Amino acid sequence: MKVGDRVRVKKSVMFYSHPQHRNNAFDAKGLEGEVIKVMKDWKGRPISPTLPVLVEFPVEGSKRSFKAHFKGDELELIDG
């Protein structure tokens, strides 16, 4: 995966910080968004983060977006 790829959450991933579901469990499975960062290094040093892929999701009915970190196997690329 690389920055700019469109992705979909393919596994059940629970969040408690989604703007429209604050403090309630929200399953992100099926959400579509865009990869905005893939963390591989920090200040030039290689790293191995647990959740390296940062994805931005639009929030329906809002100008804001929701960002979350994922493992690579929790996401699938969307064609197009």
PDB file of N, CA and C in Angstrom:
ATOM      1  N   MET A   1       0.825  -1.177   0.000  1.00  0.00           N
ATOM      2  CA  MET A   1       0.000   0.000   0.000  1.00  0.00           C
ATOM      3  C   MET A   1       0.871   1.242   0.000  1.00  0.00           C
ATOM      4  N   LYS A   2       0.350   2.268  -0.658  1.00  0.00           N
ATOM      5  CA  LYS A   2       1.093   3.519  -0.709  1.00  0.00           C
ATOM      6  C   LYS A   2       0.149   4.700  -0.508  1.00  0.00           C
ATOM      7  N   VAL A   3       0.709   5.841  -0.218  1.00  0.00           N
ATOM      8  CA  VAL A   3      -0.077   7.055  -0.007  1.00  0.00           C
ATOM      9  C   VAL A   3      -0.904   7.333  -1.260  1.00  0.00           C
ATOM     10  N   GLY A   4      -2.173   7.650  -1.043  1.00  0.00           N
ATOM     11  CA  GLY A   4      -3.086   7.950  -2.148  1.00  0.00           C
ATOM     12  C   GLY A   4      -3.964   6.783  -2.559  1.00  0.00           C
ATOM     13  N   ASP A   5      -3.643   5.567  -2.123  1.00  0.00           N
ATOM     14  CA  ASP A   5      -4.464   4.395  -2.459  1.00  0.00           C
ATOM     15  C   ASP A   5      -5.827   4.485  -1.785  1.00  0.00           C
ATOM     16  N   ARG A   6      -6.863   4.102  -2.510  1.00  0.00           N
ATOM     17  CA  ARG A   6      -8.206   3.987  -1.940  1.00  0.00           C
ATOM     18  C   ARG A   6      -8.304   2.590  -1.338  1.00  0.00           C
ATOM     19  N   VAL A   7      -8.790   2.509  -0.097  1.00  0.00           N
ATOM     20  CA  VAL A   7      -8.864   1.230   0.606  1.00  0.00           C
ATOM     21  C   VAL A   7     -10.214   1.057   1.290  1.00  0.00           C
ATOM     22  N   ARG A   8     -10.520  -0.200   1.621  1.00  0.00           N
ATOM     23  CA  ARG A   8     -11.728  -0.556   2.363  1.00  0.00           C
ATOM     24  C   ARG A   8     -11.301  -1.425   3.539  1.00  0.00           C
ATOM     25  N   VAL A   9     -11.920  -1.216   4.690  1.00  0.00           N
ATOM     26  CA  VAL A   9     -11.639  -2.031   5.871  1.00  0.00           C
ATOM     27  C   VAL A   9     -12.308  -3.384   5.645  1.00  0.00           C
ATOM     28  N   LYS A  10     -11.521  -4.453   5.616  1.00  0.00           N
ATOM     29  CA  LYS A  10     -12.081  -5.769   5.292  1.00  0.00           C
ATOM     30  C   LYS A  10     -12.332  -6.644   6.514  1.00  0.00           C
ATOM     31  N   LYS A  11     -11.791  -6.257   7.673  1.00  0.00           N
ATOM     32  CA  LYS A  11     -12.012  -7.024   8.896  1.00  0.00           C
ATOM     33  C   LYS A  11     -12.805  -6.188   9.887  1.00  0.00           C
ATOM     34  N   SER A  12     -13.364  -6.831  10.859  1.00  0.00           N
ATOM     35  CA  SER A  12     -14.081  -6.129  11.913  1.00  0.00           C
ATOM     36  C   SER A  12     -13.067  -5.452  12.829  1.00  0.00           C
ATOM     37  N   VAL A  13     -13.111  -4.109  12.877  1.00  0.00           N
ATOM     38  CA  VAL A  13     -12.212  -3.322  13.720  1.00  0.00           C
ATOM     39  C   VAL A  13     -13.092  -2.353  14.509  1.00  0.00           C
ATOM     40  N   MET A  14     -13.035  -2.450  15.829  1.00  0.00           N
ATOM     41  CA  MET A  14     -13.892  -1.622  16.673  1.00  0.00           C
ATOM     42  C   MET A  14     -13.184  -0.334  17.084  1.00  0.00           C
ATOM     43  N   PHE A  15     -13.926   0.773  17.015  1.00  0.00           N
ATOM     44  CA  PHE A  15     -13.433   2.081  17.446  1.00  0.00           C
ATOM     45  C   PHE A  15     -14.384   2.661  18.470  1.00  0.00           C
ATOM     46  N   TYR A  16     -13.839   3.451  19.372  1.00  0.00           N
ATOM     47  CA  TYR A  16     -14.647   4.173  20.360  1.00  0.00           C
ATOM     48  C   TYR A  16     -14.449   5.675  20.190  1.00  0.00           C
ATOM     49  N   SER A  17     -13.764   6.080  19.110  1.00  0.00           N
ATOM     50  CA  SER A  17     -13.443   7.490  18.912  1.00  0.00           C
ATOM     51  C   SER A  17     -14.021   8.064  17.616  1.00  0.00           C
ATOM     52  N   HIS A  18     -14.892   7.316  16.939  1.00  0.00           N
ATOM     53  CA  HIS A  18     -15.490   7.822  15.698  1.00  0.00           C
ATOM     54  C   HIS A  18     -16.363   9.033  16.034  1.00  0.00           C
ATOM     55  N   PRO A  19     -16.246  10.130  15.271  1.00  0.00           N
ATOM     56  CA  PRO A  19     -16.958  11.359  15.609  1.00  0.00           C
ATOM     57  C   PRO A  19     -18.478  11.228  15.741  1.00  0.00           C
ATOM     58  N   GLN A  20     -19.087  10.346  14.974  1.00  0.00           N
ATOM     59  CA  GLN A  20     -20.541  10.202  15.045  1.00  0.00           C
ATOM     60  C   GLN A  20     -20.986   9.129  16.041  1.00  0.00           C
ATOM     61  N   HIS A  21     -20.046   8.434  16.648  1.00  0.00           N
ATOM     62  CA  HIS A  21     -20.364   7.346  17.588  1.00  0.00           C
ATOM     63  C   HIS A  21     -19.480   7.447  18.821  1.00  0.00           C
ATOM     64  N   ARG A  22     -19.236   8.650  19.287  1.00  0.00           N
ATOM     65  CA  ARG A  22     -18.315   8.896  20.395  1.00  0.00           C
ATOM     66  C   ARG A  22     -18.693   8.069  21.625  1.00  0.00           C
ATOM     67  N   ASN A  23     -17.699   7.373  22.196  1.00  0.00           N
ATOM     68  CA  ASN A  23     -17.832   6.542  23.401  1.00  0.00           C
ATOM     69  C   ASN A  23     -18.715   5.319  23.225  1.00  0.00           C
ATOM     70  N   ASN A  24     -19.115   5.020  22.014  1.00  0.00           N
ATOM     71  CA  ASN A  24     -19.866   3.798  21.716  1.00  0.00           C
ATOM     72  C   ASN A  24     -19.050   2.972  20.734  1.00  0.00           C
ATOM     73  N   ALA A  25     -19.172   1.672  20.829  1.00  0.00           N
ATOM     74  CA  ALA A  25     -18.453   0.801  19.906  1.00  0.00           C
ATOM     75  C   ALA A  25     -18.943   1.038  18.486  1.00  0.00           C
ATOM     76  N   PHE A  26     -18.001   1.204  17.554  1.00  0.00           N
ATOM     77  CA  PHE A  26     -18.329   1.391  16.142  1.00  0.00           C
ATOM     78  C   PHE A  26     -17.456   0.452  15.332  1.00  0.00           C
ATOM     79  N   ASP A  27     -18.076  -0.400  14.526  1.00  0.00           N
ATOM     80  CA  ASP A  27     -17.343  -1.344  13.689  1.00  0.00           C
ATOM     81  C   ASP A  27     -17.016  -0.671  12.359  1.00  0.00           C
ATOM     82  N   ALA A  28     -15.745  -0.564  12.044  1.00  0.00           N
ATOM     83  CA  ALA A  28     -15.291   0.118  10.825  1.00  0.00           C
ATOM     84  C   ALA A  28     -15.322  -0.771   9.595  1.00  0.00           C
ATOM     85  N   LYS A  29     -15.714  -2.021   9.733  1.00  0.00           N
ATOM     86  CA  LYS A  29     -15.728  -2.938   8.589  1.00  0.00           C
ATOM     87  C   LYS A  29     -16.582  -2.346   7.464  1.00  0.00           C
ATOM     88  N   GLY A  30     -16.000  -2.290   6.273  1.00  0.00           N
ATOM     89  CA  GLY A  30     -16.707  -1.775   5.106  1.00  0.00           C
ATOM     90  C   GLY A  30     -16.472  -0.302   4.823  1.00  0.00           C
ATOM     91  N   LEU A  31     -15.888   0.447   5.765  1.00  0.00           N
ATOM     92  CA  LEU A  31     -15.605   1.863   5.521  1.00  0.00           C
ATOM     93  C   LEU A  31     -14.559   1.997   4.423  1.00  0.00           C
ATOM     94  N   GLU A  32     -14.702   3.027   3.593  1.00  0.00           N
ATOM     95  CA  GLU A  32     -13.754   3.291   2.528  1.00  0.00           C
ATOM     96  C   GLU A  32     -13.073   4.629   2.762  1.00  0.00           C
ATOM     97  N   GLY A  33     -11.781   4.663   2.531  1.00  0.00           N
ATOM     98  CA  GLY A  33     -11.024   5.882   2.735  1.00  0.00           C
ATOM     99  C   GLY A  33      -9.759   5.894   1.900  1.00  0.00           C
ATOM    100  N   GLU A  34      -8.863   6.815   2.235  1.00  0.00           N
ATOM    101  CA  GLU A  34      -7.629   6.993   1.478  1.00  0.00           C
ATOM    102  C   GLU A  34      -6.428   6.909   2.404  1.00  0.00           C
ATOM    103  N   VAL A  35      -5.412   6.172   1.964  1.00  0.00           N
ATOM    104  CA  VAL A  35      -4.168   6.060   2.731  1.00  0.00           C
ATOM    105  C   VAL A  35      -3.469   7.416   2.683  1.00  0.00           C
ATOM    106  N   ILE A  36      -3.167   7.992   3.856  1.00  0.00           N
ATOM    107  CA  ILE A  36      -2.478   9.275   3.883  1.00  0.00           C
ATOM    108  C   ILE A  36      -1.048   9.161   4.398  1.00  0.00           C
ATOM    109  N   LYS A  37      -0.712   8.016   5.002  1.00  0.00           N
ATOM    110  CA  LYS A  37       0.658   7.815   5.472  1.00  0.00           C
ATOM    111  C   LYS A  37       0.918   6.341   5.734  1.00  0.00           C
ATOM    112  N   VAL A  38       2.105   5.883   5.361  1.00  0.00           N
ATOM    113  CA  VAL A  38       2.566   4.536   5.700  1.00  0.00           C
ATOM    114  C   VAL A  38       3.882   4.729   6.438  1.00  0.00           C
ATOM    115  N   MET A  39       3.881   4.390   7.720  1.00  0.00           N
ATOM    116  CA  MET A  39       5.046   4.654   8.565  1.00  0.00           C
ATOM    117  C   MET A  39       6.066   3.525   8.463  1.00  0.00           C
ATOM    118  N   LYS A  40       7.241   3.872   7.941  1.00  0.00           N
ATOM    119  CA  LYS A  40       8.325   2.906   7.802  1.00  0.00           C
ATOM    120  C   LYS A  40       9.596   3.383   8.488  1.00  0.00           C
ATOM    121  N   ASP A  41       9.692   4.709   8.692  1.00  0.00           N
ATOM    122  CA  ASP A  41      10.881   5.231   9.363  1.00  0.00           C
ATOM    123  C   ASP A  41      10.508   6.429  10.222  1.00  0.00           C
ATOM    124  N   TRP A  42      11.399   6.732  11.155  1.00  0.00           N
ATOM    125  CA  TRP A  42      11.236   7.888  12.032  1.00  0.00           C
ATOM    126  C   TRP A  42      12.578   8.588  12.108  1.00  0.00           C
ATOM    127  N   LYS A  43      12.614   9.807  11.605  1.00  0.00           N
ATOM    128  CA  LYS A  43      13.850  10.587  11.557  1.00  0.00           C
ATOM    129  C   LYS A  43      14.971   9.815  10.871  1.00  0.00           C
ATOM    130  N   GLY A  44      14.616   9.123   9.783  1.00  0.00           N
ATOM    131  CA  GLY A  44      15.611   8.405   8.997  1.00  0.00           C
ATOM    132  C   GLY A  44      15.961   7.019   9.484  1.00  0.00           C
ATOM    133  N   ARG A  45      15.413   6.629  10.632  1.00  0.00           N
ATOM    134  CA  ARG A  45      15.692   5.286  11.169  1.00  0.00           C
ATOM    135  C   ARG A  45      14.526   4.360  10.866  1.00  0.00           C
ATOM    136  N   PRO A  46      14.795   3.136  10.413  1.00  0.00           N
ATOM    137  CA  PRO A  46      13.705   2.198  10.149  1.00  0.00           C
ATOM    138  C   PRO A  46      12.967   1.824  11.435  1.00  0.00           C
ATOM    139  N   ILE A  47      11.657   1.729  11.336  1.00  0.00           N
ATOM    140  CA  ILE A  47      10.823   1.326  12.479  1.00  0.00           C
ATOM    141  C   ILE A  47       9.872   0.230  12.036  1.00  0.00           C
ATOM    142  N   SER A  48       9.267  -0.456  12.994  1.00  0.00           N
ATOM    143  CA  SER A  48       8.280  -1.493  12.678  1.00  0.00           C
ATOM    144  C   SER A  48       7.049  -1.285  13.569  1.00  0.00           C
ATOM    145  N   PRO A  49       6.225  -0.271  13.255  1.00  0.00           N
ATOM    146  CA  PRO A  49       5.043   0.000  14.076  1.00  0.00           C
ATOM    147  C   PRO A  49       4.007  -1.106  13.964  1.00  0.00           C
ATOM    148  N   THR A  50       3.235  -1.266  15.004  1.00  0.00           N
ATOM    149  CA  THR A  50       2.179  -2.277  15.022  1.00  0.00           C
ATOM    150  C   THR A  50       1.061  -1.934  14.038  1.00  0.00           C
ATOM    151  N   LEU A  51       0.705  -0.660  13.946  1.00  0.00           N
ATOM    152  CA  LEU A  51      -0.361  -0.189  13.064  1.00  0.00           C
ATOM    153  C   LEU A  51       0.211   0.876  12.125  1.00  0.00           C
ATOM    154  N   PRO A  52       0.892   0.454  11.045  1.00  0.00           N
ATOM    155  CA  PRO A  52       1.655   1.400  10.228  1.00  0.00           C
ATOM    156  C   PRO A  52       0.876   2.218   9.199  1.00  0.00           C
ATOM    157  N   VAL A  53      -0.347   1.817   8.877  1.00  0.00           N
ATOM    158  CA  VAL A  53      -1.079   2.480   7.796  1.00  0.00           C
ATOM    159  C   VAL A  53      -2.100   3.458   8.371  1.00  0.00           C
ATOM    160  N   LEU A  54      -1.948   4.741   8.040  1.00  0.00           N
ATOM    161  CA  LEU A  54      -2.881   5.775   8.490  1.00  0.00           C
ATOM    162  C   LEU A  54      -3.860   6.060   7.358  1.00  0.00           C
ATOM    163  N   VAL A  55      -5.150   5.907   7.655  1.00  0.00           N
ATOM    164  CA  VAL A  55      -6.204   6.079   6.655  1.00  0.00           C
ATOM    165  C   VAL A  55      -7.144   7.197   7.089  1.00  0.00           C
ATOM    166  N   GLU A  56      -7.556   8.016   6.118  1.00  0.00           N
ATOM    167  CA  GLU A  56      -8.498   9.098   6.376  1.00  0.00           C
ATOM    168  C   GLU A  56      -9.837   8.742   5.744  1.00  0.00           C
ATOM    169  N   PHE A  57     -10.896   8.834   6.551  1.00  0.00           N
ATOM    170  CA  PHE A  57     -12.247   8.528   6.097  1.00  0.00           C
ATOM    171  C   PHE A  57     -13.089   9.801   6.135  1.00  0.00           C
ATOM    172  N   PRO A  58     -13.877  10.058   5.091  1.00  0.00           N
ATOM    173  CA  PRO A  58     -14.798  11.196   5.165  1.00  0.00           C
ATOM    174  C   PRO A  58     -15.907  10.885   6.163  1.00  0.00           C
ATOM    175  N   VAL A  59     -16.405  11.901   6.851  1.00  0.00           N
ATOM    176  CA  VAL A  59     -17.504  11.727   7.798  1.00  0.00           C
ATOM    177  C   VAL A  59     -18.752  12.318   7.158  1.00  0.00           C
ATOM    178  N   GLU A  60     -19.749  11.474   6.973  1.00  0.00           N
ATOM    179  CA  GLU A  60     -20.995  11.884   6.316  1.00  0.00           C
ATOM    180  C   GLU A  60     -21.647  13.048   7.066  1.00  0.00           C
ATOM    181  N   GLY A  61     -22.037  14.074   6.316  1.00  0.00           N
ATOM    182  CA  GLY A  61     -22.721  15.213   6.908  1.00  0.00           C
ATOM    183  C   GLY A  61     -21.811  16.165   7.665  1.00  0.00           C
ATOM    184  N   SER A  62     -20.502  16.064   7.426  1.00  0.00           N
ATOM    185  CA  SER A  62     -19.557  16.916   8.143  1.00  0.00           C
ATOM    186  C   SER A  62     -18.400  17.281   7.220  1.00  0.00           C
ATOM    187  N   LYS A  63     -17.780  18.410   7.479  1.00  0.00           N
ATOM    188  CA  LYS A  63     -16.591  18.811   6.731  1.00  0.00           C
ATOM    189  C   LYS A  63     -15.344  18.141   7.294  1.00  0.00           C
ATOM    190  N   ARG A  64     -15.459  17.575   8.462  1.00  0.00           N
ATOM    191  CA  ARG A  64     -14.338  16.920   9.118  1.00  0.00           C
ATOM    192  C   ARG A  64     -14.135  15.511   8.574  1.00  0.00           C
ATOM    193  N   SER A  65     -12.998  14.954   8.899  1.00  0.00           N
ATOM    194  CA  SER A  65     -12.709  13.573   8.520  1.00  0.00           C
ATOM    195  C   SER A  65     -12.278  12.805   9.765  1.00  0.00           C
ATOM    196  N   PHE A  66     -12.226  11.495   9.630  1.00  0.00           N
ATOM    197  CA  PHE A  66     -11.842  10.602  10.718  1.00  0.00           C
ATOM    198  C   PHE A  66     -10.587   9.862  10.270  1.00  0.00           C
ATOM    199  N   LYS A  67      -9.537   9.886  11.068  1.00  0.00           N
ATOM    200  CA  LYS A  67      -8.291   9.208  10.738  1.00  0.00           C
ATOM    201  C   LYS A  67      -8.059   8.077  11.719  1.00  0.00           C
ATOM    202  N   ALA A  68      -7.539   6.961  11.197  1.00  0.00           N
ATOM    203  CA  ALA A  68      -7.272   5.810  12.055  1.00  0.00           C
ATOM    204  C   ALA A  68      -6.078   5.024  11.519  1.00  0.00           C
ATOM    205  N   HIS A  69      -5.378   4.350  12.422  1.00  0.00           N
ATOM    206  CA  HIS A  69      -4.228   3.515  12.080  1.00  0.00           C
ATOM    207  C   HIS A  69      -4.681   2.062  11.944  1.00  0.00           C
ATOM    208  N   PHE A  70      -4.107   1.362  10.970  1.00  0.00           N
ATOM    209  CA  PHE A  70      -4.467  -0.030  10.700  1.00  0.00           C
ATOM    210  C   PHE A  70      -3.231  -0.863  10.405  1.00  0.00           C
ATOM    211  N   LYS A  71      -3.398  -2.171  10.557  1.00  0.00           N
ATOM    212  CA  LYS A  71      -2.429  -3.136  10.056  1.00  0.00           C
ATOM    213  C   LYS A  71      -2.733  -3.303   8.565  1.00  0.00           C
ATOM    214  N   GLY A  72      -1.748  -3.671   7.803  1.00  0.00           N
ATOM    215  CA  GLY A  72      -1.943  -3.855   6.366  1.00  0.00           C
ATOM    216  C   GLY A  72      -2.963  -4.919   6.020  1.00  0.00           C
ATOM    217  N   ASP A  73      -3.050  -5.988   6.829  1.00  0.00           N
ATOM    218  CA  ASP A  73      -3.986  -7.082   6.520  1.00  0.00           C
ATOM    219  C   ASP A  73      -5.431  -6.759   6.879  1.00  0.00           C
ATOM    220  N   GLU A  74      -5.686  -5.618   7.511  1.00  0.00           N
ATOM    221  CA  GLU A  74      -7.066  -5.221   7.833  1.00  0.00           C
ATOM    222  C   GLU A  74      -7.701  -4.421   6.705  1.00  0.00           C
ATOM    223  N   LEU A  75      -6.904  -4.111   5.665  1.00  0.00           N
ATOM    224  CA  LEU A  75      -7.381  -3.272   4.575  1.00  0.00           C
ATOM    225  C   LEU A  75      -7.261  -4.008   3.242  1.00  0.00           C
ATOM    226  N   GLU A  76      -8.115  -3.600   2.292  1.00  0.00           N
ATOM    227  CA  GLU A  76      -7.997  -4.108   0.925  1.00  0.00           C
ATOM    228  C   GLU A  76      -8.059  -2.927  -0.030  1.00  0.00           C
ATOM    229  N   LEU A  77      -7.291  -3.026  -1.111  1.00  0.00           N
ATOM    230  CA  LEU A  77      -7.289  -1.970  -2.104  1.00  0.00           C
ATOM    231  C   LEU A  77      -8.604  -1.965  -2.873  1.00  0.00           C
ATOM    232  N   ILE A  78      -9.062  -0.782  -3.250  1.00  0.00           N
ATOM    233  CA  ILE A  78     -10.270  -0.634  -4.058  1.00  0.00           C
ATOM    234  C   ILE A  78      -9.819  -0.308  -5.475  1.00  0.00           C
ATOM    235  N   ASP A  79     -10.329  -1.028  -6.439  1.00  0.00           N
ATOM    236  CA  ASP A  79     -10.001  -0.758  -7.845  1.00  0.00           C
ATOM    237  C   ASP A  79     -10.634   0.558  -8.276  1.00  0.00           C
ATOM    238  N   GLY A  80      -9.935   1.244  -9.141  1.00  0.00           N
ATOM    239  CA  GLY A  80     -10.507   2.462  -9.721  1.00  0.00           C
ATOM    240  C   GLY A  80      -9.812   3.617  -9.268  1.00  0.00           C
TER     241      GLY A  80
END
